[in-house]
């Protein structure tokens, strides 16, 4: 693997829980019928919810990695 995506289990479980609980389960309870269009809408809302709930973790990881790069870049300049 390239090592570009190494999410922690805490982040994956949190995003999965929030994605299932709010968009998918909420829409499922309020669904008017069980047609294929309704199922496609629920899947689409789940995907959008997953993207929405994962953004804070992505930003946090980017800020942490950016901080590490700046420290290692400063150490390289001193040599």
PDB file of N, CA and C in Angstrom:
ATOM      1  N   UNK A   1       0.839  -1.191   0.000  1.00  0.00           N
ATOM      2  CA  UNK A   1       0.000   0.000   0.000  1.00  0.00           C
ATOM      3  C   UNK A   1       0.879   1.248   0.000  1.00  0.00           C
ATOM      4  N   UNK A   2       0.320   2.324  -0.449  1.00  0.00           N
ATOM      5  CA  UNK A   2       1.094   3.564  -0.550  1.00  0.00           C
ATOM      6  C   UNK A   2       1.191   4.306   0.773  1.00  0.00           C
ATOM      7  N   UNK A   3       0.348   3.978   1.732  1.00  0.00           N
ATOM      8  CA  UNK A   3       0.400   4.634   3.037  1.00  0.00           C
ATOM      9  C   UNK A   3      -0.282   5.990   3.054  1.00  0.00           C
ATOM     10  N   UNK A   4      -1.041   6.298   2.008  1.00  0.00           N
ATOM     11  CA  UNK A   4      -1.691   7.611   1.962  1.00  0.00           C
ATOM     12  C   UNK A   4      -2.952   7.665   2.819  1.00  0.00           C
ATOM     13  N   UNK A   5      -3.546   6.529   3.093  1.00  0.00           N
ATOM     14  CA  UNK A   5      -4.795   6.523   3.843  1.00  0.00           C
ATOM     15  C   UNK A   5      -4.701   5.493   4.957  1.00  0.00           C
ATOM     16  N   UNK A   6      -4.467   5.959   6.161  1.00  0.00           N
ATOM     17  CA  UNK A   6      -4.383   5.075   7.313  1.00  0.00           C
ATOM     18  C   UNK A   6      -5.266   5.615   8.438  1.00  0.00           C
ATOM     19  N   UNK A   7      -6.608   5.491   8.278  1.00  0.00           N
ATOM     20  CA  UNK A   7      -7.495   6.018   9.324  1.00  0.00           C
ATOM     21  C   UNK A   7      -7.452   5.155  10.576  1.00  0.00           C
ATOM     22  N   UNK A   8      -7.662   5.787  11.704  1.00  0.00           N
ATOM     23  CA  UNK A   8      -7.701   5.028  12.948  1.00  0.00           C
ATOM     24  C   UNK A   8      -9.077   4.392  13.115  1.00  0.00           C
ATOM     25  N   UNK A   9      -9.130   3.354  13.906  1.00  0.00           N
ATOM     26  CA  UNK A   9     -10.385   2.650  14.131  1.00  0.00           C
ATOM     27  C   UNK A   9     -11.393   3.537  14.849  1.00  0.00           C
ATOM     28  N   UNK A  10     -10.925   4.430  15.717  1.00  0.00           N
ATOM     29  CA  UNK A  10     -11.831   5.365  16.402  1.00  0.00           C
ATOM     30  C   UNK A  10     -12.559   6.239  15.391  1.00  0.00           C
ATOM     31  N   UNK A  11     -11.840   6.726  14.400  1.00  0.00           N
ATOM     32  CA  UNK A  11     -12.455   7.597  13.398  1.00  0.00           C
ATOM     33  C   UNK A  11     -13.438   6.818  12.527  1.00  0.00           C
ATOM     34  N   UNK A  12     -13.057   5.603  12.125  1.00  0.00           N
ATOM     35  CA  UNK A  12     -13.941   4.808  11.274  1.00  0.00           C
ATOM     36  C   UNK A  12     -15.242   4.449  11.978  1.00  0.00           C
ATOM     37  N   UNK A  13     -15.159   4.065  13.228  1.00  0.00           N
ATOM     38  CA  UNK A  13     -16.371   3.693  13.972  1.00  0.00           C
ATOM     39  C   UNK A  13     -17.257   4.914  14.197  1.00  0.00           C
ATOM     40  N   UNK A  14     -16.664   6.045  14.519  1.00  0.00           N
ATOM     41  CA  UNK A  14     -17.446   7.271  14.741  1.00  0.00           C
ATOM     42  C   UNK A  14     -18.169   7.691  13.471  1.00  0.00           C
ATOM     43  N   UNK A  15     -17.465   7.707  12.352  1.00  0.00           N
ATOM     44  CA  UNK A  15     -18.086   8.115  11.084  1.00  0.00           C
ATOM     45  C   UNK A  15     -19.168   7.121  10.681  1.00  0.00           C
ATOM     46  N   UNK A  16     -18.914   5.826  10.840  1.00  0.00           N
ATOM     47  CA  UNK A  16     -19.918   4.822  10.477  1.00  0.00           C
ATOM     48  C   UNK A  16     -21.171   4.966  11.341  1.00  0.00           C
ATOM     49  N   UNK A  17     -20.992   5.189  12.630  1.00  0.00           N
ATOM     50  CA  UNK A  17     -22.128   5.335  13.540  1.00  0.00           C
ATOM     51  C   UNK A  17     -22.949   6.579  13.184  1.00  0.00           C
ATOM     52  N   UNK A  18     -22.265   7.709  13.005  1.00  0.00           N
ATOM     53  CA  UNK A  18     -22.989   8.943  12.685  1.00  0.00           C
ATOM     54  C   UNK A  18     -23.663   8.869  11.312  1.00  0.00           C
ATOM     55  N   UNK A  19     -23.022   8.200  10.366  1.00  0.00           N
ATOM     56  CA  UNK A  19     -23.611   8.059   9.032  1.00  0.00           C
ATOM     57  C   UNK A  19     -24.842   7.177   9.083  1.00  0.00           C
ATOM     58  N   UNK A  20     -24.769   6.092   9.817  1.00  0.00           N
ATOM     59  CA  UNK A  20     -25.917   5.194   9.878  1.00  0.00           C
ATOM     60  C   UNK A  20     -27.038   5.784  10.708  1.00  0.00           C
ATOM     61  N   UNK A  21     -26.702   6.381  11.830  1.00  0.00           N
ATOM     62  CA  UNK A  21     -27.713   6.854  12.766  1.00  0.00           C
ATOM     63  C   UNK A  21     -28.521   8.016  12.198  1.00  0.00           C
ATOM     64  N   UNK A  22     -27.864   9.034  11.715  1.00  0.00           N
ATOM     65  CA  UNK A  22     -28.579  10.251  11.337  1.00  0.00           C
ATOM     66  C   UNK A  22     -29.163  10.176   9.922  1.00  0.00           C
ATOM     67  N   UNK A  23     -28.346  10.090   8.868  1.00  0.00           N
ATOM     68  CA  UNK A  23     -28.968  10.125   7.539  1.00  0.00           C
ATOM     69  C   UNK A  23     -29.714   8.845   7.166  1.00  0.00           C
ATOM     70  N   UNK A  24     -29.124   7.687   7.389  1.00  0.00           N
ATOM     71  CA  UNK A  24     -29.727   6.455   6.891  1.00  0.00           C
ATOM     72  C   UNK A  24     -30.919   6.026   7.727  1.00  0.00           C
ATOM     73  N   UNK A  25     -30.763   5.955   9.019  1.00  0.00           N
ATOM     74  CA  UNK A  25     -31.851   5.500   9.868  1.00  0.00           C
ATOM     75  C   UNK A  25     -32.995   6.518   9.899  1.00  0.00           C
ATOM     76  N   UNK A  26     -32.646   7.801   9.947  1.00  0.00           N
ATOM     77  CA  UNK A  26     -33.684   8.836   9.961  1.00  0.00           C
ATOM     78  C   UNK A  26     -34.525   8.831   8.698  1.00  0.00           C
ATOM     79  N   UNK A  27     -33.869   8.706   7.552  1.00  0.00           N
ATOM     80  CA  UNK A  27     -34.596   8.682   6.284  1.00  0.00           C
ATOM     81  C   UNK A  27     -35.380   7.381   6.149  1.00  0.00           C
ATOM     82  N   UNK A  28     -34.846   6.294   6.663  1.00  0.00           N
ATOM     83  CA  UNK A  28     -35.547   5.008   6.568  1.00  0.00           C
ATOM     84  C   UNK A  28     -36.864   5.045   7.336  1.00  0.00           C
ATOM     85  N   UNK A  29     -36.858   5.668   8.503  1.00  0.00           N
ATOM     86  CA  UNK A  29     -38.105   5.744   9.274  1.00  0.00           C
ATOM     87  C   UNK A  29     -39.131   6.651   8.610  1.00  0.00           C
ATOM     88  N   UNK A  30     -38.668   7.648   7.888  1.00  0.00           N
ATOM     89  CA  UNK A  30     -39.601   8.568   7.251  1.00  0.00           C
ATOM     90  C   UNK A  30     -39.869   8.263   5.793  1.00  0.00           C
ATOM     91  N   UNK A  31     -39.383   7.133   5.296  1.00  0.00           N
ATOM     92  CA  UNK A  31     -39.556   6.790   3.887  1.00  0.00           C
ATOM     93  C   UNK A  31     -41.026   6.504   3.584  1.00  0.00           C
ATOM     94  N   UNK A  32     -41.520   7.036   2.468  1.00  0.00           N
ATOM     95  CA  UNK A  32     -42.939   6.852   2.139  1.00  0.00           C
ATOM     96  C   UNK A  32     -43.257   5.450   1.624  1.00  0.00           C
ATOM     97  N   UNK A  33     -42.283   4.774   1.025  1.00  0.00           N
ATOM     98  CA  UNK A  33     -42.521   3.443   0.458  1.00  0.00           C
ATOM     99  C   UNK A  33     -41.194   2.691   0.384  1.00  0.00           C
ATOM    100  N   UNK A  34     -41.213   1.530  -0.233  1.00  0.00           N
ATOM    101  CA  UNK A  34     -39.981   0.747  -0.354  1.00  0.00           C
ATOM    102  C   UNK A  34     -39.614   0.521  -1.812  1.00  0.00           C
ATOM    103  N   UNK A  35     -39.868   1.519  -2.650  1.00  0.00           N
ATOM    104  CA  UNK A  35     -39.508   1.429  -4.066  1.00  0.00           C
ATOM    105  C   UNK A  35     -37.995   1.489  -4.237  1.00  0.00           C
ATOM    106  N   UNK A  36     -37.544   1.177  -5.441  1.00  0.00           N
ATOM    107  CA  UNK A  36     -36.126   1.227  -5.763  1.00  0.00           C
ATOM    108  C   UNK A  36     -35.602   2.664  -5.704  1.00  0.00           C
ATOM    109  N   UNK A  37     -36.438   3.625  -6.084  1.00  0.00           N
ATOM    110  CA  UNK A  37     -36.026   5.038  -6.021  1.00  0.00           C
ATOM    111  C   UNK A  37     -35.787   5.472  -4.571  1.00  0.00           C
ATOM    112  N   UNK A  38     -36.623   5.027  -3.680  1.00  0.00           N
ATOM    113  CA  UNK A  38     -36.461   5.361  -2.267  1.00  0.00           C
ATOM    114  C   UNK A  38     -35.189   4.737  -1.715  1.00  0.00           C
ATOM    115  N   UNK A  39     -34.911   3.498  -2.079  1.00  0.00           N
ATOM    116  CA  UNK A  39     -33.682   2.837  -1.644  1.00  0.00           C
ATOM    117  C   UNK A  39     -32.453   3.565  -2.189  1.00  0.00           C
ATOM    118  N   UNK A  40     -32.516   3.978  -3.457  1.00  0.00           N
ATOM    119  CA  UNK A  40     -31.402   4.723  -4.049  1.00  0.00           C
ATOM    120  C   UNK A  40     -31.200   6.061  -3.339  1.00  0.00           C
ATOM    121  N   UNK A  41     -32.275   6.701  -2.954  1.00  0.00           N
ATOM    122  CA  UNK A  41     -32.185   7.966  -2.228  1.00  0.00           C
ATOM    123  C   UNK A  41     -31.533   7.757  -0.860  1.00  0.00           C
ATOM    124  N   UNK A  42     -31.899   6.686  -0.174  1.00  0.00           N
ATOM    125  CA  UNK A  42     -31.315   6.397   1.137  1.00  0.00           C
ATOM    126  C   UNK A  42     -29.821   6.121   1.007  1.00  0.00           C
ATOM    127  N   UNK A  43     -29.435   5.358  -0.019  1.00  0.00           N
ATOM    128  CA  UNK A  43     -28.019   5.072  -0.244  1.00  0.00           C
ATOM    129  C   UNK A  43     -27.258   6.361  -0.555  1.00  0.00           C
ATOM    130  N   UNK A  44     -27.843   7.221  -1.382  1.00  0.00           N
ATOM    131  CA  UNK A  44     -27.207   8.487  -1.739  1.00  0.00           C
ATOM    132  C   UNK A  44     -27.052   9.378  -0.495  1.00  0.00           C
ATOM    133  N   UNK A  45     -28.069   9.456   0.327  1.00  0.00           N
ATOM    134  CA  UNK A  45     -27.980  10.260   1.543  1.00  0.00           C
ATOM    135  C   UNK A  45     -26.962   9.677   2.519  1.00  0.00           C
ATOM    136  N   UNK A  46     -26.843   8.356   2.556  1.00  0.00           N
ATOM    137  CA  UNK A  46     -25.822   7.736   3.386  1.00  0.00           C
ATOM    138  C   UNK A  46     -24.419   8.088   2.915  1.00  0.00           C
ATOM    139  N   UNK A  47     -24.220   8.107   1.600  1.00  0.00           N
ATOM    140  CA  UNK A  47     -22.907   8.478   1.054  1.00  0.00           C
ATOM    141  C   UNK A  47     -22.592   9.937   1.353  1.00  0.00           C
ATOM    142  N   UNK A  48     -23.573  10.805   1.176  1.00  0.00           N
ATOM    143  CA  UNK A  48     -23.371  12.225   1.483  1.00  0.00           C
ATOM    144  C   UNK A  48     -23.099  12.404   2.978  1.00  0.00           C
ATOM    145  N   UNK A  49     -23.825  11.676   3.815  1.00  0.00           N
ATOM    146  CA  UNK A  49     -23.611  11.753   5.258  1.00  0.00           C
ATOM    147  C   UNK A  49     -22.219  11.267   5.651  1.00  0.00           C
ATOM    148  N   UNK A  50     -21.754  10.196   5.006  1.00  0.00           N
ATOM    149  CA  UNK A  50     -20.411   9.701   5.285  1.00  0.00           C
ATOM    150  C   UNK A  50     -19.341  10.710   4.930  1.00  0.00           C
ATOM    151  N   UNK A  51     -19.518  11.370   3.805  1.00  0.00           N
ATOM    152  CA  UNK A  51     -18.566  12.415   3.411  1.00  0.00           C
ATOM    153  C   UNK A  51     -18.617  13.569   4.408  1.00  0.00           C
ATOM    154  N   UNK A  52     -19.825  13.990   4.778  1.00  0.00           N
ATOM    155  CA  UNK A  52     -19.978  15.106   5.704  1.00  0.00           C
ATOM    156  C   UNK A  52     -19.340  14.814   7.055  1.00  0.00           C
ATOM    157  N   UNK A  53     -19.598  13.627   7.615  1.00  0.00           N
ATOM    158  CA  UNK A  53     -19.085  13.304   8.944  1.00  0.00           C
ATOM    159  C   UNK A  53     -17.597  12.981   8.942  1.00  0.00           C
ATOM    160  N   UNK A  54     -17.024  12.654   7.785  1.00  0.00           N
ATOM    161  CA  UNK A  54     -15.589  12.355   7.757  1.00  0.00           C
ATOM    162  C   UNK A  54     -14.736  13.598   7.538  1.00  0.00           C
ATOM    163  N   UNK A  55     -15.325  14.699   7.090  1.00  0.00           N
ATOM    164  CA  UNK A  55     -14.560  15.929   6.831  1.00  0.00           C
ATOM    165  C   UNK A  55     -13.806  16.415   8.076  1.00  0.00           C
ATOM    166  N   UNK A  56     -14.403  16.473   9.278  1.00  0.00           N
ATOM    167  CA  UNK A  56     -13.623  16.928  10.445  1.00  0.00           C
ATOM    168  C   UNK A  56     -12.392  16.067  10.721  1.00  0.00           C
ATOM    169  N   UNK A  57     -12.505  14.758  10.521  1.00  0.00           N
ATOM    170  CA  UNK A  57     -11.367  13.875  10.755  1.00  0.00           C
ATOM    171  C   UNK A  57     -10.288  14.068   9.696  1.00  0.00           C
ATOM    172  N   UNK A  58     -10.699  14.320   8.468  1.00  0.00           N
ATOM    173  CA  UNK A  58      -9.728  14.581   7.400  1.00  0.00           C
ATOM    174  C   UNK A  58      -8.975  15.874   7.691  1.00  0.00           C
ATOM    175  N   UNK A  59      -9.699  16.905   8.073  1.00  0.00           N
ATOM    176  CA  UNK A  59      -9.043  18.185   8.381  1.00  0.00           C
ATOM    177  C   UNK A  59      -8.101  18.047   9.576  1.00  0.00           C
ATOM    178  N   UNK A  60      -8.516  17.278  10.583  1.00  0.00           N
ATOM    179  CA  UNK A  60      -7.666  17.065  11.758  1.00  0.00           C
ATOM    180  C   UNK A  60      -6.388  16.326  11.355  1.00  0.00           C
ATOM    181  N   UNK A  61      -6.523  15.292  10.552  1.00  0.00           N
ATOM    182  CA  UNK A  61      -5.350  14.537  10.118  1.00  0.00           C
ATOM    183  C   UNK A  61      -4.421  15.383   9.266  1.00  0.00           C
ATOM    184  N   UNK A  62      -5.001  16.214   8.403  1.00  0.00           N
ATOM    185  CA  UNK A  62      -4.171  17.084   7.566  1.00  0.00           C
ATOM    186  C   UNK A  62      -3.407  18.094   8.413  1.00  0.00           C
ATOM    187  N   UNK A  63      -4.059  18.640   9.436  1.00  0.00           N
ATOM    188  CA  UNK A  63      -3.380  19.626  10.272  1.00  0.00           C
ATOM    189  C   UNK A  63      -2.279  18.970  11.097  1.00  0.00           C
ATOM    190  N   UNK A  64      -2.510  17.734  11.562  1.00  0.00           N
ATOM    191  CA  UNK A  64      -1.479  17.025  12.307  1.00  0.00           C
ATOM    192  C   UNK A  64      -0.286  16.696  11.419  1.00  0.00           C
ATOM    193  N   UNK A  65      -0.551  16.239  10.200  1.00  0.00           N
ATOM    194  CA  UNK A  65       0.552  15.876   9.311  1.00  0.00           C
ATOM    195  C   UNK A  65       1.297  17.113   8.837  1.00  0.00           C
ATOM    196  N   UNK A  66       0.603  18.192   8.655  1.00  0.00           N
ATOM    197  CA  UNK A  66       1.251  19.436   8.236  1.00  0.00           C
ATOM    198  C   UNK A  66       2.173  19.948   9.336  1.00  0.00           C
ATOM    199  N   UNK A  67       1.772  19.779  10.583  1.00  0.00           N
ATOM    200  CA  UNK A  67       2.604  20.185  11.707  1.00  0.00           C
ATOM    201  C   UNK A  67       3.865  19.345  11.789  1.00  0.00           C
ATOM    202  N   UNK A  68       3.760  18.058  11.519  1.00  0.00           N
ATOM    203  CA  UNK A  68       4.933  17.191  11.544  1.00  0.00           C
ATOM    204  C   UNK A  68       5.894  17.516  10.416  1.00  0.00           C
ATOM    205  N   UNK A  69       5.367  17.852   9.236  1.00  0.00           N
ATOM    206  CA  UNK A  69       6.219  18.178   8.101  1.00  0.00           C
ATOM    207  C   UNK A  69       7.004  19.452   8.360  1.00  0.00           C
ATOM    208  N   UNK A  70       6.361  20.427   8.994  1.00  0.00           N
ATOM    209  CA  UNK A  70       7.054  21.684   9.227  1.00  0.00           C
ATOM    210  C   UNK A  70       8.177  21.493  10.242  1.00  0.00           C
ATOM    211  N   UNK A  71       7.969  20.616  11.216  1.00  0.00           N
ATOM    212  CA  UNK A  71       9.016  20.353  12.207  1.00  0.00           C
ATOM    213  C   UNK A  71      10.188  19.625  11.538  1.00  0.00           C
ATOM    214  N   UNK A  72       9.891  18.635  10.707  1.00  0.00           N
ATOM    215  CA  UNK A  72      10.973  17.892  10.046  1.00  0.00           C
ATOM    216  C   UNK A  72      11.676  18.765   9.023  1.00  0.00           C
ATOM    217  N   UNK A  73      10.973  19.699   8.391  1.00  0.00           N
ATOM    218  CA  UNK A  73      11.606  20.610   7.439  1.00  0.00           C
ATOM    219  C   UNK A  73      12.540  21.566   8.179  1.00  0.00           C
ATOM    220  N   UNK A  74      12.133  22.016   9.362  1.00  0.00           N
ATOM    221  CA  UNK A  74      12.994  22.920  10.134  1.00  0.00           C
ATOM    222  C   UNK A  74      14.244  22.189  10.603  1.00  0.00           C
ATOM    223  N   UNK A  75      14.106  20.919  10.967  1.00  0.00           N
ATOM    224  CA  UNK A  75      15.269  20.150  11.422  1.00  0.00           C
ATOM    225  C   UNK A  75      16.240  19.932  10.268  1.00  0.00           C
ATOM    226  N   UNK A  76      15.721  19.760   9.044  1.00  0.00           N
ATOM    227  CA  UNK A  76      16.582  19.585   7.882  1.00  0.00           C
ATOM    228  C   UNK A  76      17.349  20.851   7.522  1.00  0.00           C
ATOM    229  N   UNK A  77      16.771  22.009   7.786  1.00  0.00           N
ATOM    230  CA  UNK A  77      17.431  23.289   7.493  1.00  0.00           C
ATOM    231  C   UNK A  77      18.594  23.539   8.433  1.00  0.00           C
ATOM    232  N   UNK A  78      18.508  23.036   9.666  1.00  0.00           N
ATOM    233  CA  UNK A  78      19.536  23.290  10.647  1.00  0.00           C
ATOM    234  C   UNK A  78      20.818  22.497  10.359  1.00  0.00           C
ATOM    235  N   UNK A  79      20.718  21.404   9.645  1.00  0.00           N
ATOM    236  CA  UNK A  79      21.887  20.552   9.389  1.00  0.00           C
ATOM    237  C   UNK A  79      22.815  21.138   8.387  1.00  0.00           C
TER     238      UNK A  79
END
